[in-house]
N, C-alpha and C. Protein backbone atom coordinates (compact mmCIF):
# COMPACT_ATOMS: atom_id res chain seq x y z
N MET A 1 15.73 -11.81 10.10
CA MET A 1 14.60 -12.27 10.77
C MET A 1 13.31 -11.41 10.19
N LYS A 2 11.87 -12.01 9.20
CA LYS A 2 11.09 -11.15 9.58
C LYS A 2 9.84 -11.39 10.57
N LYS A 3 9.81 -10.31 11.39
CA LYS A 3 8.83 -9.64 12.13
C LYS A 3 8.48 -10.48 13.20
N LEU A 4 8.49 -10.59 14.26
CA LEU A 4 8.45 -11.41 15.40
C LEU A 4 7.75 -10.12 16.54
N LEU A 5 6.52 -10.20 16.50
CA LEU A 5 5.51 -8.98 17.54
C LEU A 5 6.33 -9.20 18.79
N THR A 6 7.14 -8.41 18.92
CA THR A 6 7.34 -8.49 20.63
C THR A 6 7.07 -7.13 21.57
N PHE A 7 6.91 -7.00 22.87
CA PHE A 7 7.29 -5.77 23.37
C PHE A 7 8.73 -5.09 23.48
N SER A 8 8.55 -4.15 22.52
CA SER A 8 10.03 -3.43 22.74
C SER A 8 11.25 -4.57 22.79
N ILE A 9 12.03 -3.37 22.34
CA ILE A 9 13.39 -4.28 21.95
C ILE A 9 14.01 -4.87 23.48
N THR A 10 13.89 -4.35 24.15
CA THR A 10 13.98 -5.00 25.68
C THR A 10 12.85 -5.69 26.06
N CYS A 11 12.04 -5.86 25.80
CA CYS A 11 11.01 -6.84 26.40
C CYS A 11 10.28 -6.04 27.84
N ILE A 12 10.74 -4.89 27.72
CA ILE A 12 10.13 -4.30 28.97
C ILE A 12 8.92 -3.72 28.83
N SER A 13 8.88 -2.93 28.14
CA SER A 13 7.78 -1.57 27.97
C SER A 13 6.75 -2.29 27.21
N ILE A 14 5.73 -1.75 28.05
CA ILE A 14 4.26 -2.76 27.01
C ILE A 14 3.43 -1.78 26.09
N THR A 15 4.57 -0.23 26.07
CA THR A 15 3.65 0.73 25.08
C THR A 15 4.39 0.36 23.74
N THR A 16 5.40 0.45 23.51
CA THR A 16 6.19 0.24 21.98
C THR A 16 6.11 -1.51 21.80
N ILE A 17 5.45 -1.48 20.42
CA ILE A 17 5.87 -2.93 20.08
C ILE A 17 6.95 -2.71 19.30
N CYS A 18 7.95 -3.40 19.00
CA CYS A 18 8.71 -4.04 17.54
C CYS A 18 8.13 -4.70 16.69
N TYR A 19 8.09 -4.05 15.65
CA TYR A 19 7.46 -4.75 14.43
C TYR A 19 8.49 -5.39 13.86
N ALA A 20 8.66 -6.88 14.38
CA ALA A 20 9.37 -7.98 13.47
C ALA A 20 8.84 -9.01 13.24
N GLN A 21 7.56 -9.16 13.33
CA GLN A 21 6.75 -10.13 12.54
C GLN A 21 5.00 -9.66 12.24
N ILE A 22 4.51 -9.89 11.44
CA ILE A 22 3.37 -9.76 11.30
C ILE A 22 2.32 -10.00 12.44
N PRO A 23 1.50 -9.22 12.89
CA PRO A 23 0.45 -9.22 14.27
C PRO A 23 -0.25 -10.45 13.44
N THR A 24 -0.96 -11.06 14.22
CA THR A 24 -1.70 -11.99 13.81
C THR A 24 -3.59 -11.19 14.35
N ASP A 25 -3.15 -10.34 15.31
CA ASP A 25 -4.33 -9.42 15.83
C ASP A 25 -4.84 -8.58 15.13
N LYS A 26 -6.07 -8.51 14.89
CA LYS A 26 -6.89 -8.21 13.83
C LYS A 26 -7.08 -6.51 14.14
N GLU A 27 -7.10 -6.05 15.48
CA GLU A 27 -7.16 -4.97 16.15
C GLU A 27 -5.98 -4.07 15.67
N LEU A 28 -4.93 -5.13 15.71
CA LEU A 28 -3.74 -4.19 15.66
C LEU A 28 -3.11 -4.05 14.33
N GLN A 29 -3.68 -5.02 13.29
CA GLN A 29 -3.55 -4.59 11.86
C GLN A 29 -4.31 -3.69 11.62
N ILE A 30 -5.80 -3.74 11.87
CA ILE A 30 -6.36 -2.68 11.60
C ILE A 30 -6.09 -1.43 11.55
N LYS A 31 -5.59 -0.83 12.99
CA LYS A 31 -4.74 0.53 13.14
C LYS A 31 -3.85 0.60 12.44
N MET A 32 -2.96 -0.17 12.49
CA MET A 32 -1.27 0.19 11.63
C MET A 32 -1.90 0.37 9.91
N ALA A 33 -2.97 -0.20 9.51
CA ALA A 33 -3.29 -0.40 8.64
C ALA A 33 -4.14 0.64 7.73
N VAL A 34 -4.63 1.34 8.73
CA VAL A 34 -5.17 2.70 8.14
C VAL A 34 -4.84 3.64 8.30
N MET A 35 -3.31 3.73 9.34
CA MET A 35 -2.41 4.64 9.29
C MET A 35 -2.07 5.12 7.79
N ALA A 36 -2.10 4.13 6.71
CA ALA A 36 -1.35 4.83 5.46
C ALA A 36 -2.51 5.58 4.99
N GLY A 37 -3.88 5.74 5.23
CA GLY A 37 -4.75 6.35 4.60
C GLY A 37 -5.03 7.73 5.20
N PRO A 38 -5.87 8.87 4.58
CA PRO A 38 -6.32 9.89 4.95
C PRO A 38 -6.64 9.86 6.16
N GLU A 39 -6.74 10.87 7.34
CA GLU A 39 -7.26 10.35 8.83
C GLU A 39 -8.74 10.67 8.57
N GLU A 40 -9.44 11.55 7.78
CA GLU A 40 -10.67 11.63 7.85
C GLU A 40 -11.47 9.99 7.10
N LEU A 41 -10.66 9.46 6.52
CA LEU A 41 -11.51 8.40 6.03
C LEU A 41 -10.86 6.80 6.84
N ARG A 42 -10.45 6.67 7.73
CA ARG A 42 -9.64 5.62 8.21
C ARG A 42 -11.26 4.91 9.19
N ALA A 43 -11.59 5.52 10.13
CA ALA A 43 -12.81 4.76 10.42
C ALA A 43 -13.69 3.86 9.69
N ASP A 44 -13.96 4.25 8.47
CA ASP A 44 -15.20 3.32 7.67
C ASP A 44 -14.30 3.14 6.60
N ALA A 45 -13.29 2.68 6.74
CA ALA A 45 -11.86 1.99 5.64
C ALA A 45 -12.23 0.16 5.61
N THR A 46 -12.34 -0.14 4.42
CA THR A 46 -12.83 -1.36 4.66
C THR A 46 -11.23 -2.02 4.66
N VAL A 47 -10.38 -3.40 5.61
CA VAL A 47 -9.12 -3.42 5.85
C VAL A 47 -9.23 -4.76 5.38
N MET A 48 -7.57 -5.22 4.62
CA MET A 48 -7.34 -6.50 4.36
C MET A 48 -6.18 -7.10 5.28
N GLY A 49 -6.49 -8.14 6.03
CA GLY A 49 -5.19 -8.34 6.98
C GLY A 49 -4.87 -9.59 6.45
N PHE A 50 -3.75 -10.10 7.11
CA PHE A 50 -3.67 -11.64 7.09
C PHE A 50 -3.96 -12.11 8.78
N ASN A 51 -3.96 -13.61 8.18
CA ASN A 51 -4.38 -14.39 9.43
C ASN A 51 -3.25 -15.36 9.44
N GLU A 52 -3.58 -16.25 10.57
CA GLU A 52 -2.60 -17.24 10.94
C GLU A 52 -1.37 -18.26 10.18
N LYS A 53 -2.14 -18.30 8.96
CA LYS A 53 -1.61 -18.92 7.66
C LYS A 53 -0.84 -17.89 6.84
N GLY A 54 -1.05 -16.51 7.24
CA GLY A 54 -0.85 -15.98 6.14
C GLY A 54 -1.13 -15.47 4.93
N GLU A 55 -2.58 -15.92 4.99
CA GLU A 55 -3.15 -15.43 4.30
C GLU A 55 -4.17 -14.21 4.15
N LEU A 56 -4.39 -13.45 2.98
CA LEU A 56 -4.96 -12.36 3.17
C LEU A 56 -6.61 -12.62 2.82
N GLU A 57 -6.99 -11.55 3.97
CA GLU A 57 -8.66 -11.89 3.89
C GLU A 57 -9.30 -10.51 4.44
N ILE A 58 -10.16 -10.16 3.92
CA ILE A 58 -10.92 -8.94 4.70
C ILE A 58 -11.36 -9.42 5.87
N ILE A 59 -10.32 -8.06 6.99
CA ILE A 59 -10.53 -8.14 8.22
C ILE A 59 -11.77 -7.70 8.93
N ARG A 60 -12.20 -6.31 8.18
CA ARG A 60 -13.06 -5.55 8.70
C ARG A 60 -13.93 -4.80 7.35
N GLU A 61 -14.82 -5.08 7.21
CA GLU A 61 -15.82 -4.61 6.39
C GLU A 61 -15.95 -2.75 6.54
N GLY A 62 -15.99 -2.02 5.46
CA GLY A 62 -15.77 -0.78 5.43
C GLY A 62 -17.41 -0.03 4.69
N SER A 63 -17.50 0.87 4.80
CA SER A 63 -18.84 1.87 4.20
C SER A 63 -18.02 3.03 3.65
N ASN A 64 -16.77 3.14 3.00
CA ASN A 64 -16.53 4.45 2.36
C ASN A 64 -15.35 3.84 0.74
N GLU A 65 -15.07 4.75 0.76
CA GLU A 65 -14.19 4.62 -0.89
C GLU A 65 -12.93 3.70 -0.81
N LEU A 66 -12.65 3.84 0.23
CA LEU A 66 -11.04 3.06 0.78
C LEU A 66 -10.78 1.94 1.30
N ILE A 67 -10.22 1.42 1.02
CA ILE A 67 -9.36 -0.06 1.24
C ILE A 67 -8.28 0.08 1.75
N CYS A 68 -8.05 -0.73 2.83
CA CYS A 68 -6.59 -0.70 3.39
C CYS A 68 -5.97 -2.39 3.82
N ARG A 69 -4.66 -2.61 3.39
CA ARG A 69 -4.18 -3.35 3.69
C ARG A 69 -3.06 -3.29 4.45
N SER A 70 -2.92 -4.79 5.26
CA SER A 70 -1.85 -4.21 6.43
C SER A 70 -0.47 -5.15 5.72
N ASP A 71 0.15 -4.94 6.33
CA ASP A 71 1.88 -5.43 6.59
C ASP A 71 1.76 -6.78 5.77
N ASP A 72 2.64 -7.30 5.03
CA ASP A 72 2.66 -8.32 4.17
C ASP A 72 3.69 -9.32 5.10
N PRO A 73 3.43 -10.57 5.35
CA PRO A 73 4.26 -11.15 6.13
C PRO A 73 5.22 -11.80 5.37
N GLY A 74 5.39 -11.74 4.21
CA GLY A 74 6.27 -12.04 3.28
C GLY A 74 7.32 -11.38 3.21
N SER A 75 7.48 -9.92 3.08
CA SER A 75 8.05 -9.06 2.97
C SER A 75 9.04 -8.54 4.01
N PRO A 76 10.20 -8.84 4.06
CA PRO A 76 11.11 -8.42 5.11
C PRO A 76 10.90 -6.84 5.57
N ASN A 77 10.51 -5.97 4.55
CA ASN A 77 10.40 -4.41 5.40
C ASN A 77 8.61 -4.07 5.66
N PHE A 78 8.24 -3.03 6.29
CA PHE A 78 7.35 -2.55 6.60
C PHE A 78 6.37 -2.03 5.25
N GLU A 79 5.38 -2.34 5.17
CA GLU A 79 4.94 -1.53 4.29
C GLU A 79 2.90 -1.87 4.39
N THR A 80 2.47 -0.63 4.75
CA THR A 80 0.70 -0.47 4.58
C THR A 80 0.11 0.37 3.21
N VAL A 81 -0.92 0.34 2.90
CA VAL A 81 -1.67 0.67 1.70
C VAL A 81 -2.93 1.01 1.81
N CYS A 82 -3.49 2.16 1.59
CA CYS A 82 -4.87 2.29 1.60
C CYS A 82 -4.87 2.71 0.44
N TYR A 83 -5.89 2.51 -0.60
CA TYR A 83 -6.35 2.72 -1.83
C TYR A 83 -7.75 3.05 -2.41
N HIS A 84 -8.14 3.63 -3.48
CA HIS A 84 -9.39 3.76 -3.49
C HIS A 84 -10.00 2.58 -4.28
N LYS A 85 -11.45 2.33 -3.99
CA LYS A 85 -12.06 0.99 -4.19
C LYS A 85 -12.21 0.78 -5.84
N ASP A 86 -11.98 1.77 -6.72
CA ASP A 86 -11.65 1.57 -8.22
C ASP A 86 -10.45 0.67 -8.64
N LEU A 87 -9.31 0.73 -7.56
CA LEU A 87 -8.21 0.28 -8.05
C LEU A 87 -8.29 -1.40 -7.55
N GLU A 88 -9.26 -2.09 -7.13
CA GLU A 88 -9.45 -3.01 -6.17
C GLU A 88 -9.39 -4.49 -7.52
N PRO A 89 -10.14 -4.14 -8.28
CA PRO A 89 -9.67 -5.11 -10.07
C PRO A 89 -8.09 -5.11 -10.11
N PHE A 90 -7.71 -4.25 -10.13
CA PHE A 90 -6.30 -3.79 -10.66
C PHE A 90 -5.08 -4.48 -9.43
N MET A 91 -5.37 -4.27 -8.57
CA MET A 91 -4.71 -4.96 -7.44
C MET A 91 -5.03 -6.25 -7.22
N ALA A 92 -6.31 -6.69 -7.07
CA ALA A 92 -6.59 -8.38 -6.79
C ALA A 92 -6.03 -9.03 -8.27
N ARG A 93 -6.11 -8.41 -9.24
CA ARG A 93 -5.69 -9.10 -10.38
C ARG A 93 -3.72 -8.98 -10.25
N GLY A 94 -3.05 -8.21 -9.30
CA GLY A 94 -1.70 -8.64 -9.34
C GLY A 94 -1.36 -9.55 -8.09
N ARG A 95 -2.38 -9.77 -7.06
CA ARG A 95 -2.04 -10.67 -6.03
C ARG A 95 -2.28 -11.97 -6.47
N GLU A 96 -3.36 -11.98 -7.94
CA GLU A 96 -3.26 -13.11 -8.32
C GLU A 96 -2.29 -14.20 -9.08
N LEU A 97 -1.77 -12.95 -9.83
CA LEU A 97 -0.51 -13.20 -10.88
C LEU A 97 0.83 -13.54 -9.99
N ARG A 98 0.66 -12.74 -8.60
CA ARG A 98 2.28 -13.04 -7.37
C ARG A 98 1.76 -14.36 -7.18
N ALA A 99 0.46 -14.83 -7.00
CA ALA A 99 0.40 -15.89 -6.27
C ALA A 99 0.46 -17.23 -7.18
N ASP A 100 0.63 -16.96 -8.58
CA ASP A 100 1.00 -17.84 -9.85
C ASP A 100 2.62 -18.50 -9.89
N GLY A 101 3.31 -17.10 -9.39
CA GLY A 101 4.38 -17.40 -9.54
C GLY A 101 4.85 -16.21 -10.80
N LYS A 102 4.05 -15.38 -10.93
CA LYS A 102 4.54 -14.41 -11.91
C LYS A 102 5.01 -13.24 -11.31
N GLY A 103 6.12 -12.59 -12.27
CA GLY A 103 7.37 -11.67 -12.15
C GLY A 103 6.73 -10.17 -12.16
N GLY A 104 7.80 -9.02 -11.91
CA GLY A 104 7.05 -7.47 -12.07
C GLY A 104 7.02 -7.43 -13.26
N GLN A 105 7.20 -7.63 -14.42
CA GLN A 105 7.48 -7.71 -15.82
C GLN A 105 6.41 -8.13 -16.39
N GLU A 106 6.14 -9.50 -16.43
CA GLU A 106 5.06 -10.11 -16.58
C GLU A 106 4.03 -9.84 -15.95
N ILE A 107 3.77 -9.38 -14.66
CA ILE A 107 2.30 -9.26 -14.15
C ILE A 107 2.05 -7.68 -14.79
N PHE A 108 2.96 -7.07 -15.29
CA PHE A 108 2.82 -5.56 -15.73
C PHE A 108 2.05 -6.13 -17.21
N ASP A 109 3.09 -7.20 -17.85
CA ASP A 109 2.60 -6.97 -19.49
C ASP A 109 1.19 -7.83 -19.65
N THR A 110 1.06 -8.61 -18.65
CA THR A 110 -0.46 -8.86 -18.48
C THR A 110 -1.37 -8.36 -17.95
N ARG A 111 -1.34 -7.23 -16.91
CA ARG A 111 -2.45 -6.41 -16.96
C ARG A 111 -2.57 -5.45 -17.65
N GLU A 112 -1.85 -4.93 -18.47
CA GLU A 112 -1.64 -4.29 -19.74
C GLU A 112 -2.47 -4.89 -20.75
N ALA A 113 -2.20 -6.30 -21.32
CA ALA A 113 -2.86 -6.86 -22.15
C ALA A 113 -4.38 -7.10 -21.77
N GLU A 114 -4.44 -7.51 -20.24
CA GLU A 114 -5.99 -7.61 -20.43
C GLU A 114 -6.78 -6.13 -20.02
N ALA A 115 -6.24 -4.81 -19.66
CA ALA A 115 -6.79 -3.50 -19.64
C ALA A 115 -6.81 -3.11 -20.99
N LYS A 116 -6.38 -3.75 -21.81
CA LYS A 116 -6.50 -2.61 -23.26
C LYS A 116 -7.98 -3.77 -23.92
N SER A 117 -7.77 -5.21 -23.58
CA SER A 117 -8.88 -5.99 -24.02
C SER A 117 -10.25 -5.93 -23.04
N GLY A 118 -10.00 -4.64 -22.02
CA GLY A 118 -11.41 -4.68 -21.50
C GLY A 118 -12.21 -5.60 -20.46
N GLU A 119 -10.95 -6.82 -20.75
CA GLU A 119 -11.08 -7.88 -19.23
C GLU A 119 -10.62 -7.30 -17.85
N LEU A 120 -9.77 -6.51 -17.69
CA LEU A 120 -9.59 -6.28 -16.77
C LEU A 120 -10.20 -4.42 -16.68
N LYS A 121 -10.69 -4.06 -15.66
CA LYS A 121 -11.29 -2.89 -15.86
C LYS A 121 -10.59 -1.91 -14.40
N MET A 122 -9.88 -0.66 -15.55
CA MET A 122 -8.98 0.57 -14.58
C MET A 122 -10.06 1.46 -14.26
N PRO A 123 -9.53 2.05 -13.51
CA PRO A 123 -10.47 3.18 -12.78
C PRO A 123 -10.57 4.40 -14.17
N ASP A 124 -11.80 4.98 -14.34
CA ASP A 124 -12.43 5.80 -15.48
C ASP A 124 -11.94 7.28 -14.88
N LYS A 125 -11.20 7.44 -13.87
CA LYS A 125 -10.54 8.90 -13.43
C LYS A 125 -9.55 8.48 -12.54
N PRO A 126 -8.77 9.41 -11.92
CA PRO A 126 -7.88 9.64 -10.96
C PRO A 126 -8.29 9.14 -9.86
N ALA A 127 -7.38 7.72 -9.55
CA ALA A 127 -7.53 7.15 -8.32
C ALA A 127 -6.30 7.03 -7.29
N ALA A 128 -6.36 7.49 -6.27
CA ALA A 128 -5.04 7.61 -5.23
C ALA A 128 -4.63 6.22 -4.48
N LEU A 129 -3.50 5.93 -4.03
CA LEU A 129 -2.93 4.76 -3.80
C LEU A 129 -1.90 5.36 -2.29
N HIS A 130 -2.02 5.39 -1.15
CA HIS A 130 -1.32 5.82 -0.03
C HIS A 130 -0.17 4.76 0.22
N ILE A 131 0.71 5.07 0.31
CA ILE A 131 1.77 4.30 1.32
C ILE A 131 2.86 4.40 2.37
N LEU A 132 2.61 3.58 3.24
CA LEU A 132 3.16 4.02 4.20
C LEU A 132 4.48 2.74 4.49
N TYR A 133 5.32 3.31 4.28
CA TYR A 133 6.44 2.18 4.23
C TYR A 133 7.98 2.58 5.27
N GLY A 134 8.81 1.74 5.67
CA GLY A 134 9.98 1.68 6.28
C GLY A 134 10.53 0.33 6.08
N GLY A 135 11.98 0.25 6.75
CA GLY A 135 12.54 -0.78 6.64
C GLY A 135 12.07 -1.89 8.12
N THR A 136 13.39 -2.66 8.53
CA THR A 136 12.99 -3.77 9.60
C THR A 136 12.85 -2.69 11.32
N ASP A 137 13.38 -1.66 11.56
CA ASP A 137 13.49 -0.87 12.32
C ASP A 137 11.72 -0.17 12.90
N VAL A 138 10.68 -0.23 12.12
CA VAL A 138 9.79 0.48 12.28
C VAL A 138 8.95 -0.25 13.98
N THR A 139 8.54 0.40 14.46
CA THR A 139 8.12 0.24 15.76
C THR A 139 6.64 0.91 16.22
N TYR A 140 5.79 0.16 16.82
CA TYR A 140 4.46 0.74 17.04
C TYR A 140 4.28 1.28 18.50
N ASP A 141 4.29 2.32 18.54
CA ASP A 141 3.69 2.72 19.98
C ASP A 141 1.99 2.68 20.31
N ALA A 142 2.24 2.16 21.37
CA ALA A 142 0.51 1.45 21.49
C ALA A 142 -0.20 2.94 21.96
N ALA A 143 0.71 3.08 23.31
CA ALA A 143 -0.15 4.45 23.84
C ALA A 143 0.16 5.48 23.14
N ALA A 144 0.41 5.61 22.02
CA ALA A 144 0.11 7.09 21.11
C ALA A 144 -0.60 6.82 20.10
N ASN A 145 -0.67 5.52 19.46
CA ASN A 145 -0.76 4.85 18.37
C ASN A 145 -0.40 5.38 16.99
N THR A 146 1.02 5.48 17.01
CA THR A 146 1.60 6.02 16.03
C THR A 146 2.68 4.68 15.85
N LEU A 147 3.11 4.61 14.57
CA LEU A 147 4.04 3.95 13.76
C LEU A 147 5.65 5.39 13.75
N ASN A 148 6.65 4.54 13.91
CA ASN A 148 8.20 4.84 13.86
C ASN A 148 8.87 4.54 13.18
N ASN A 149 9.47 5.32 12.28
CA ASN A 149 10.70 5.17 11.39
C ASN A 149 9.89 4.50 9.98
N VAL A 150 8.71 5.51 9.74
CA VAL A 150 8.18 5.12 8.56
C VAL A 150 8.03 6.86 7.43
N GLN A 151 7.77 5.94 6.23
CA GLN A 151 7.37 7.29 5.56
C GLN A 151 6.68 7.10 4.34
N TYR A 152 5.88 8.36 3.78
CA TYR A 152 4.57 8.22 2.73
C TYR A 152 4.95 8.01 1.79
N ARG A 153 4.16 7.67 0.73
CA ARG A 153 4.53 7.70 -1.11
C ARG A 153 3.01 7.86 -0.94
N TYR A 154 2.91 9.22 -2.19
CA TYR A 154 1.49 8.93 -2.69
C TYR A 154 1.54 8.56 -4.36
N VAL A 155 0.71 7.67 -4.53
CA VAL A 155 0.54 7.29 -6.10
C VAL A 155 -1.13 7.60 -6.84
N ILE A 156 -1.34 8.50 -7.64
CA ILE A 156 -2.32 8.79 -8.47
C ILE A 156 -2.08 8.14 -9.74
N TYR A 157 -3.16 7.06 -9.88
CA TYR A 157 -3.47 6.48 -10.93
C TYR A 157 -3.95 7.30 -12.47
N ILE A 158 -3.51 7.37 -13.42
CA ILE A 158 -4.05 8.14 -14.31
C ILE A 158 -4.00 7.19 -15.43
N PRO A 159 -4.83 6.14 -15.74
CA PRO A 159 -4.58 5.01 -16.92
C PRO A 159 -4.43 5.92 -18.21
N TYR A 160 -3.35 5.48 -18.77
CA TYR A 160 -2.86 6.13 -20.11
C TYR A 160 -2.48 7.56 -20.13
N ALA A 161 -1.85 8.05 -19.09
CA ALA A 161 -1.89 9.30 -19.10
C ALA A 161 -0.39 9.18 -19.77
N THR A 162 0.43 10.71 -20.11
CA THR A 162 1.30 11.01 -20.89
C THR A 162 1.88 12.47 -20.44
N GLU A 163 3.06 12.47 -20.64
CA GLU A 163 3.80 13.95 -20.27
C GLU A 163 2.83 14.69 -20.73
N GLU A 164 2.54 14.85 -21.89
CA GLU A 164 1.90 15.86 -22.63
C GLU A 164 0.37 15.83 -22.35
N SER A 165 -0.63 14.91 -21.72
CA SER A 165 -1.56 15.01 -21.24
C SER A 165 -1.85 15.29 -20.09
N THR A 166 -0.80 15.61 -18.91
CA THR A 166 -0.54 16.24 -17.33
C THR A 166 0.07 17.52 -17.83
N GLY A 167 0.85 17.62 -18.29
CA GLY A 167 2.07 18.49 -18.42
C GLY A 167 3.41 18.41 -16.98
N LEU A 168 3.29 16.70 -16.70
CA LEU A 168 4.24 16.28 -15.45
C LEU A 168 5.56 15.79 -16.15
N PRO A 169 6.75 16.29 -15.23
CA PRO A 169 7.74 14.83 -16.13
C PRO A 169 7.60 13.36 -15.70
N LEU A 170 8.74 13.17 -16.68
CA LEU A 170 9.32 11.67 -16.65
C LEU A 170 9.79 11.67 -15.17
N LYS A 171 11.18 12.20 -14.38
CA LYS A 171 10.84 12.14 -13.02
C LYS A 171 11.06 13.29 -12.57
N PRO A 172 11.55 13.00 -11.13
CA PRO A 172 11.21 14.32 -10.51
C PRO A 172 12.26 15.33 -10.52
N ASN A 173 11.89 17.12 -10.24
CA ASN A 173 12.55 17.87 -10.85
C ASN A 173 13.46 18.28 -9.37
N GLY A 174 13.17 17.69 -8.35
CA GLY A 174 13.44 17.52 -7.12
C GLY A 174 12.93 16.96 -5.89
N PRO A 175 13.57 17.04 -4.96
CA PRO A 175 13.01 15.99 -3.65
C PRO A 175 11.37 16.69 -3.34
N GLY A 176 10.69 15.20 -3.21
CA GLY A 176 9.23 15.57 -3.04
C GLY A 176 8.35 16.08 -4.52
N HIS A 177 9.09 16.36 -5.37
CA HIS A 177 8.28 16.73 -6.38
C HIS A 177 7.46 15.42 -7.18
N PRO A 178 5.99 15.93 -8.41
CA PRO A 178 5.58 14.75 -8.36
C PRO A 178 6.36 14.70 -9.81
N TRP A 179 5.89 13.21 -10.49
CA TRP A 179 6.23 13.11 -11.58
C TRP A 179 5.80 11.84 -12.32
N LEU A 180 5.76 11.50 -13.47
CA LEU A 180 4.88 10.38 -14.36
C LEU A 180 5.49 9.29 -14.56
N MET A 181 4.92 7.96 -13.91
CA MET A 181 5.93 6.77 -14.11
C MET A 181 4.70 5.60 -15.15
N HIS A 182 5.24 5.37 -16.07
CA HIS A 182 4.59 3.98 -17.10
C HIS A 182 3.69 4.75 -17.95
N ARG A 183 4.14 5.96 -18.43
CA ARG A 183 3.08 6.86 -19.46
C ARG A 183 2.80 6.00 -20.32
N GLY A 184 1.02 6.96 -20.48
CA GLY A 184 0.49 6.02 -22.05
C GLY A 184 0.46 4.56 -21.67
N THR A 185 0.49 4.05 -20.58
CA THR A 185 -0.34 2.33 -20.45
C THR A 185 -1.15 2.33 -19.10
N HIS A 186 -1.71 1.27 -19.14
CA HIS A 186 -2.87 0.89 -17.91
C HIS A 186 -2.00 1.50 -16.52
N GLY A 187 -1.30 1.57 -16.11
CA GLY A 187 -0.33 1.41 -15.06
C GLY A 187 0.22 2.78 -14.87
N ALA A 188 -0.20 4.33 -15.63
CA ALA A 188 0.48 5.45 -15.39
C ALA A 188 -0.32 5.94 -14.13
N HIS A 189 1.06 6.57 -13.64
CA HIS A 189 0.55 7.27 -12.54
C HIS A 189 1.28 7.95 -12.15
N ILE A 190 0.95 9.39 -11.32
CA ILE A 190 1.64 10.18 -10.72
C ILE A 190 2.83 9.67 -9.60
N MET A 191 3.55 10.13 -9.45
CA MET A 191 4.40 9.55 -8.22
C MET A 191 4.56 10.50 -7.33
N ILE A 192 4.45 10.67 -6.10
CA ILE A 192 4.80 12.08 -5.00
C ILE A 192 5.19 10.92 -3.65
N THR A 193 6.78 11.33 -3.69
CA THR A 193 7.48 10.95 -1.98
C THR A 193 7.92 12.07 -1.39
N PRO A 194 7.56 12.80 -0.33
CA PRO A 194 7.46 13.73 0.43
C PRO A 194 9.17 13.49 0.94
N PRO A 195 9.86 14.06 0.99
CA PRO A 195 11.37 14.58 1.80
C PRO A 195 11.17 13.85 3.17
N LYS A 196 12.24 13.00 3.72
CA LYS A 196 12.19 12.07 4.84
C LYS A 196 12.40 13.65 5.63
N ASN A 197 11.27 13.60 6.90
CA ASN A 197 12.17 14.60 8.01
C ASN A 197 12.95 14.26 8.89
């Protein structure tokens, strides 16, 4: 069952929120969304969240280079992301294509063609994406302002990068090691998944 926001499993605690449905409370969405980003950039980040209809919209205008997105109510698991503003055309195009019913490979191929033609602007320098994710057991502790049962992943987009241009392998050499995914394409990026604590 996807996400019904309740107060703890026993409904007794007022400080722990069981994350079982997307909250429509904007302040709570903002608090959880920005946790994916670097601490020093959170206060001034732009935040995108979901309204009562499940539509994504800007719920806080920011003043720095970071854009954060709250958890998607259409997904069974928890995920918030923060990324450099130069990635927004790439992200926005992906959202448009998914809304049109396109799947993973078709989205990738469409953005690849559009990036090569110049229709889709990709960053001309490395740009970071921060991901905070977990399963259906994610909880929010309001008193501590922390999320429990979550893990970080870091992605650094470097369009058209290859193993030769970066010196990175095409798969991790061990837990938490960086590696290059989608080499030589518009979506080339460094993947870093720290080991789970």
